[in-house]
Structures are given as C-alpha cells and as structure tokens.
Amino acid sequence: MPRLNTYEHLLSINTGFDLIRNALRALGRGTLFDRKELVRFESWSEETRSSINSYLTGVIESAETDAAGRLYRRRLARERKDETATP
C-alpha cells in the first residue's frame, strides 16, 4: 500500500507544474518573450504533468487494490474463525 509520502510527492509534482504554468503565463504578459512559444511550452508541460499523473495514479491504484484485497481476505478469515469459535 502506498505510504503518505507517495501522495505528498504527487501533490508536490502537481504544485510544481502549477508554478510552471503560472510563471510561463506571467512571462507571456511581457514583451520580451514570444507568447506563442511560451504557450507551446505550457502545452508540453501540461502534457507531461498529465502523463506523470496517469502513470503514478495507475501504480497507486494497483497497489491500493492489492492492499484492499489482502485486507478483505484477512477480515473474512477472521470472521470465519470467530464464527467457528463461538459455540
């Protein structure tokens, strides 16, 4: 099962991409940089963010599903044991 810091890292990654998007937009409001180029970079960063999130959440989902299955099997075994132990 993923630990809390896994979720914290996922949050940090998304926060970082928010900072990138905000910084690119702020730079685009000036006249020094080509706005179209900055929009292209923003698009790439959004694509990368989405790909990272897709991969990480897929792995997290698999781990959480495995953990849920193990916990469910343990609970069933415990309940069956309790039922047979009660006269």
N, C-alpha and C. Protein backbone atom coordinates (compact mmCIF):
# COMPACT_ATOMS: atom_id res chain seq x y z
N MET A 1 0.85 -1.17 0.00
CA MET A 1 0.00 0.00 0.00
C MET A 1 0.90 1.24 0.00
N PRO A 2 0.60 2.22 -0.84
CA PRO A 2 1.43 3.42 -0.88
C PRO A 2 1.42 4.16 0.46
N ARG A 3 2.53 4.69 0.79
CA ARG A 3 2.63 5.47 2.03
C ARG A 3 2.20 6.90 1.76
N LEU A 4 1.97 7.62 2.85
CA LEU A 4 1.52 9.01 2.76
C LEU A 4 2.47 9.83 1.90
N ASN A 5 3.79 9.60 2.02
CA ASN A 5 4.72 10.44 1.27
C ASN A 5 4.57 10.25 -0.24
N THR A 6 4.03 9.12 -0.68
CA THR A 6 3.74 8.93 -2.10
C THR A 6 2.72 9.97 -2.56
N TYR A 7 1.67 10.13 -1.78
CA TYR A 7 0.65 11.12 -2.11
C TYR A 7 1.19 12.54 -1.99
N GLU A 8 2.06 12.76 -1.02
CA GLU A 8 2.67 14.08 -0.87
C GLU A 8 3.55 14.42 -2.07
N HIS A 9 4.28 13.42 -2.58
CA HIS A 9 5.10 13.65 -3.77
C HIS A 9 4.23 13.95 -4.98
N LEU A 10 3.12 13.25 -5.12
CA LEU A 10 2.20 13.51 -6.21
C LEU A 10 1.67 14.95 -6.12
N LEU A 11 1.32 15.37 -4.93
CA LEU A 11 0.87 16.75 -4.72
C LEU A 11 1.98 17.74 -5.07
N SER A 12 3.21 17.45 -4.65
CA SER A 12 4.34 18.34 -4.95
C SER A 12 4.58 18.45 -6.45
N ILE A 13 4.46 17.34 -7.16
CA ILE A 13 4.63 17.36 -8.61
C ILE A 13 3.59 18.28 -9.24
N ASN A 14 2.34 18.13 -8.83
CA ASN A 14 1.27 18.95 -9.41
C ASN A 14 1.43 20.42 -9.02
N THR A 15 1.87 20.68 -7.80
CA THR A 15 2.14 22.05 -7.38
C THR A 15 3.25 22.65 -8.23
N GLY A 16 4.28 21.87 -8.51
CA GLY A 16 5.37 22.34 -9.35
C GLY A 16 4.91 22.70 -10.75
N PHE A 17 4.05 21.86 -11.32
CA PHE A 17 3.53 22.17 -12.65
C PHE A 17 2.62 23.40 -12.63
N ASP A 18 1.90 23.61 -11.53
CA ASP A 18 1.11 24.84 -11.41
C ASP A 18 2.03 26.07 -11.40
N LEU A 19 3.15 25.94 -10.70
CA LEU A 19 4.11 27.04 -10.67
C LEU A 19 4.67 27.31 -12.06
N ILE A 20 4.98 26.24 -12.79
CA ILE A 20 5.49 26.40 -14.16
C ILE A 20 4.46 27.11 -15.03
N ARG A 21 3.22 26.64 -14.99
CA ARG A 21 2.16 27.25 -15.81
C ARG A 21 2.00 28.74 -15.46
N ASN A 22 1.95 29.05 -14.18
CA ASN A 22 1.79 30.44 -13.75
C ASN A 22 2.97 31.31 -14.19
N ALA A 23 4.17 30.76 -14.08
CA ALA A 23 5.36 31.53 -14.47
C ALA A 23 5.38 31.77 -15.98
N LEU A 24 5.04 30.75 -16.76
CA LEU A 24 5.01 30.93 -18.22
C LEU A 24 3.96 31.96 -18.62
N ARG A 25 2.81 31.92 -17.97
CA ARG A 25 1.77 32.90 -18.28
C ARG A 25 2.21 34.32 -17.90
N ALA A 26 2.88 34.42 -16.77
CA ALA A 26 3.38 35.74 -16.35
C ALA A 26 4.42 36.26 -17.33
N LEU A 27 5.31 35.39 -17.77
CA LEU A 27 6.31 35.81 -18.76
C LEU A 27 5.66 36.20 -20.08
N GLY A 28 4.55 35.54 -20.41
CA GLY A 28 3.84 35.85 -21.65
C GLY A 28 3.16 37.20 -21.65
N ARG A 29 2.97 37.77 -20.48
CA ARG A 29 2.34 39.09 -20.40
C ARG A 29 3.32 40.21 -20.75
N GLY A 30 4.59 39.88 -20.74
CA GLY A 30 5.60 40.88 -21.11
C GLY A 30 5.83 40.90 -22.61
N THR A 31 6.80 41.68 -23.03
CA THR A 31 7.08 41.80 -24.46
C THR A 31 8.39 41.14 -24.87
N LEU A 32 9.16 40.67 -23.91
CA LEU A 32 10.47 40.10 -24.20
C LEU A 32 10.39 38.73 -24.87
N PHE A 33 9.41 37.94 -24.50
CA PHE A 33 9.33 36.56 -24.97
C PHE A 33 8.19 36.38 -25.97
N ASP A 34 8.40 35.47 -26.90
CA ASP A 34 7.39 35.14 -27.90
C ASP A 34 6.26 34.37 -27.21
N ARG A 35 5.09 34.98 -27.18
CA ARG A 35 3.94 34.38 -26.49
C ARG A 35 3.58 33.01 -27.03
N LYS A 36 3.62 32.83 -28.35
CA LYS A 36 3.29 31.53 -28.94
C LYS A 36 4.25 30.43 -28.46
N GLU A 37 5.50 30.81 -28.33
CA GLU A 37 6.49 29.83 -27.85
C GLU A 37 6.21 29.45 -26.40
N LEU A 38 5.87 30.42 -25.58
CA LEU A 38 5.55 30.14 -24.18
C LEU A 38 4.28 29.29 -24.06
N VAL A 39 3.30 29.54 -24.91
CA VAL A 39 2.08 28.73 -24.93
C VAL A 39 2.42 27.29 -25.32
N ARG A 40 3.34 27.14 -26.27
CA ARG A 40 3.77 25.79 -26.67
C ARG A 40 4.44 25.08 -25.50
N PHE A 41 5.30 25.78 -24.76
CA PHE A 41 5.95 25.18 -23.59
C PHE A 41 4.93 24.82 -22.52
N GLU A 42 3.94 25.69 -22.34
CA GLU A 42 2.88 25.42 -21.36
C GLU A 42 2.13 24.15 -21.76
N SER A 43 1.86 24.02 -23.03
CA SER A 43 1.17 22.82 -23.52
C SER A 43 1.99 21.56 -23.27
N TRP A 44 3.28 21.64 -23.53
CA TRP A 44 4.16 20.49 -23.28
C TRP A 44 4.19 20.15 -21.79
N SER A 45 4.26 21.18 -20.96
CA SER A 45 4.31 20.91 -19.52
C SER A 45 3.00 20.28 -19.05
N GLU A 46 1.88 20.70 -19.62
CA GLU A 46 0.59 20.11 -19.24
C GLU A 46 0.51 18.65 -19.69
N GLU A 47 1.03 18.38 -20.88
CA GLU A 47 1.07 17.00 -21.37
C GLU A 47 1.95 16.13 -20.46
N THR A 48 3.08 16.66 -20.06
CA THR A 48 3.99 15.92 -19.18
C THR A 48 3.34 15.69 -17.81
N ARG A 49 2.69 16.74 -17.27
CA ARG A 49 2.00 16.60 -15.99
C ARG A 49 0.95 15.50 -16.07
N SER A 50 0.18 15.53 -17.13
CA SER A 50 -0.88 14.54 -17.30
C SER A 50 -0.31 13.12 -17.42
N SER A 51 0.77 12.97 -18.15
CA SER A 51 1.40 11.65 -18.30
C SER A 51 1.94 11.14 -16.97
N ILE A 52 2.58 12.01 -16.22
CA ILE A 52 3.11 11.63 -14.91
C ILE A 52 1.97 11.22 -13.99
N ASN A 53 0.91 12.03 -13.95
CA ASN A 53 -0.23 11.71 -13.09
C ASN A 53 -0.86 10.39 -13.49
N SER A 54 -1.01 10.16 -14.77
CA SER A 54 -1.60 8.92 -15.25
C SER A 54 -0.79 7.72 -14.80
N TYR A 55 0.52 7.80 -14.99
CA TYR A 55 1.39 6.69 -14.59
C TYR A 55 1.35 6.47 -13.08
N LEU A 56 1.56 7.53 -12.32
CA LEU A 56 1.63 7.39 -10.86
C LEU A 56 0.31 6.91 -10.27
N THR A 57 -0.80 7.49 -10.73
CA THR A 57 -2.09 7.07 -10.16
C THR A 57 -2.44 5.65 -10.57
N GLY A 58 -1.99 5.21 -11.75
CA GLY A 58 -2.20 3.83 -12.15
C GLY A 58 -1.48 2.85 -11.24
N VAL A 59 -0.23 3.18 -10.92
CA VAL A 59 0.55 2.34 -10.00
C VAL A 59 -0.07 2.37 -8.60
N ILE A 60 -0.47 3.56 -8.15
CA ILE A 60 -1.10 3.69 -6.83
C ILE A 60 -2.39 2.89 -6.79
N GLU A 61 -3.20 2.98 -7.86
CA GLU A 61 -4.46 2.24 -7.89
C GLU A 61 -4.22 0.74 -7.77
N SER A 62 -3.23 0.25 -8.48
CA SER A 62 -2.91 -1.18 -8.43
C SER A 62 -2.49 -1.59 -7.01
N ALA A 63 -1.63 -0.79 -6.40
CA ALA A 63 -1.17 -1.10 -5.05
C ALA A 63 -2.32 -1.03 -4.05
N GLU A 64 -3.19 -0.03 -4.18
CA GLU A 64 -4.32 0.10 -3.26
C GLU A 64 -5.31 -1.06 -3.45
N THR A 65 -5.53 -1.47 -4.69
CA THR A 65 -6.44 -2.59 -4.95
C THR A 65 -5.88 -3.87 -4.36
N ASP A 66 -4.59 -4.09 -4.50
CA ASP A 66 -3.95 -5.27 -3.90
C ASP A 66 -4.09 -5.24 -2.38
N ALA A 67 -3.85 -4.08 -1.79
CA ALA A 67 -3.96 -3.95 -0.34
C ALA A 67 -5.39 -4.19 0.12
N ALA A 68 -6.36 -3.66 -0.61
CA ALA A 68 -7.76 -3.86 -0.25
C ALA A 68 -8.12 -5.34 -0.31
N GLY A 69 -7.63 -6.04 -1.32
CA GLY A 69 -7.89 -7.47 -1.44
C GLY A 69 -7.30 -8.25 -0.28
N ARG A 70 -6.07 -7.93 0.09
CA ARG A 70 -5.43 -8.61 1.24
C ARG A 70 -6.22 -8.35 2.52
N LEU A 71 -6.59 -7.10 2.74
CA LEU A 71 -7.33 -6.76 3.95
C LEU A 71 -8.70 -7.45 3.98
N TYR A 72 -9.35 -7.51 2.83
CA TYR A 72 -10.64 -8.18 2.74
C TYR A 72 -10.51 -9.67 3.07
N ARG A 73 -9.49 -10.31 2.50
CA ARG A 73 -9.29 -11.74 2.78
C ARG A 73 -8.99 -11.98 4.26
N ARG A 74 -8.19 -11.11 4.86
CA ARG A 74 -7.90 -11.23 6.30
C ARG A 74 -9.17 -11.10 7.13
N ARG A 75 -9.99 -10.11 6.77
CA ARG A 75 -11.23 -9.89 7.52
C ARG A 75 -12.15 -11.09 7.39
N LEU A 76 -12.30 -11.63 6.21
CA LEU A 76 -13.14 -12.81 6.03
C LEU A 76 -12.63 -13.99 6.85
N ALA A 77 -11.32 -14.20 6.82
CA ALA A 77 -10.73 -15.30 7.59
C ALA A 77 -10.98 -15.11 9.08
N ARG A 78 -10.82 -13.88 9.55
CA ARG A 78 -11.04 -13.57 10.96
C ARG A 78 -12.51 -13.81 11.33
N GLU A 79 -13.43 -13.37 10.46
CA GLU A 79 -14.85 -13.57 10.74
C GLU A 79 -15.22 -15.04 10.74
N ARG A 80 -14.66 -15.81 9.82
CA ARG A 80 -14.93 -17.26 9.80
C ARG A 80 -14.38 -17.92 11.04
N LYS A 81 -13.21 -17.50 11.46
CA LYS A 81 -12.61 -18.06 12.66
C LYS A 81 -13.46 -17.73 13.88
N ASP A 82 -13.95 -16.50 13.96
CA ASP A 82 -14.81 -16.08 15.06
C ASP A 82 -16.13 -16.88 15.08
N GLU A 83 -16.67 -17.15 13.89
CA GLU A 83 -17.93 -17.89 13.80
C GLU A 83 -17.76 -19.35 14.26
N THR A 84 -16.64 -19.95 13.92
CA THR A 84 -16.41 -21.35 14.30
C THR A 84 -16.01 -21.47 15.77
N ALA A 85 -15.45 -20.41 16.34
CA ALA A 85 -15.03 -20.45 17.73
C ALA A 85 -16.20 -20.23 18.67
N THR A 86 -17.26 -19.62 18.19
CA THR A 86 -18.44 -19.35 19.02
C THR A 86 -19.34 -20.60 19.03
N PRO A 87 -19.65 -21.13 20.27
CA PRO A 87 -20.48 -22.33 20.33
C PRO A 87 -21.92 -22.10 19.98
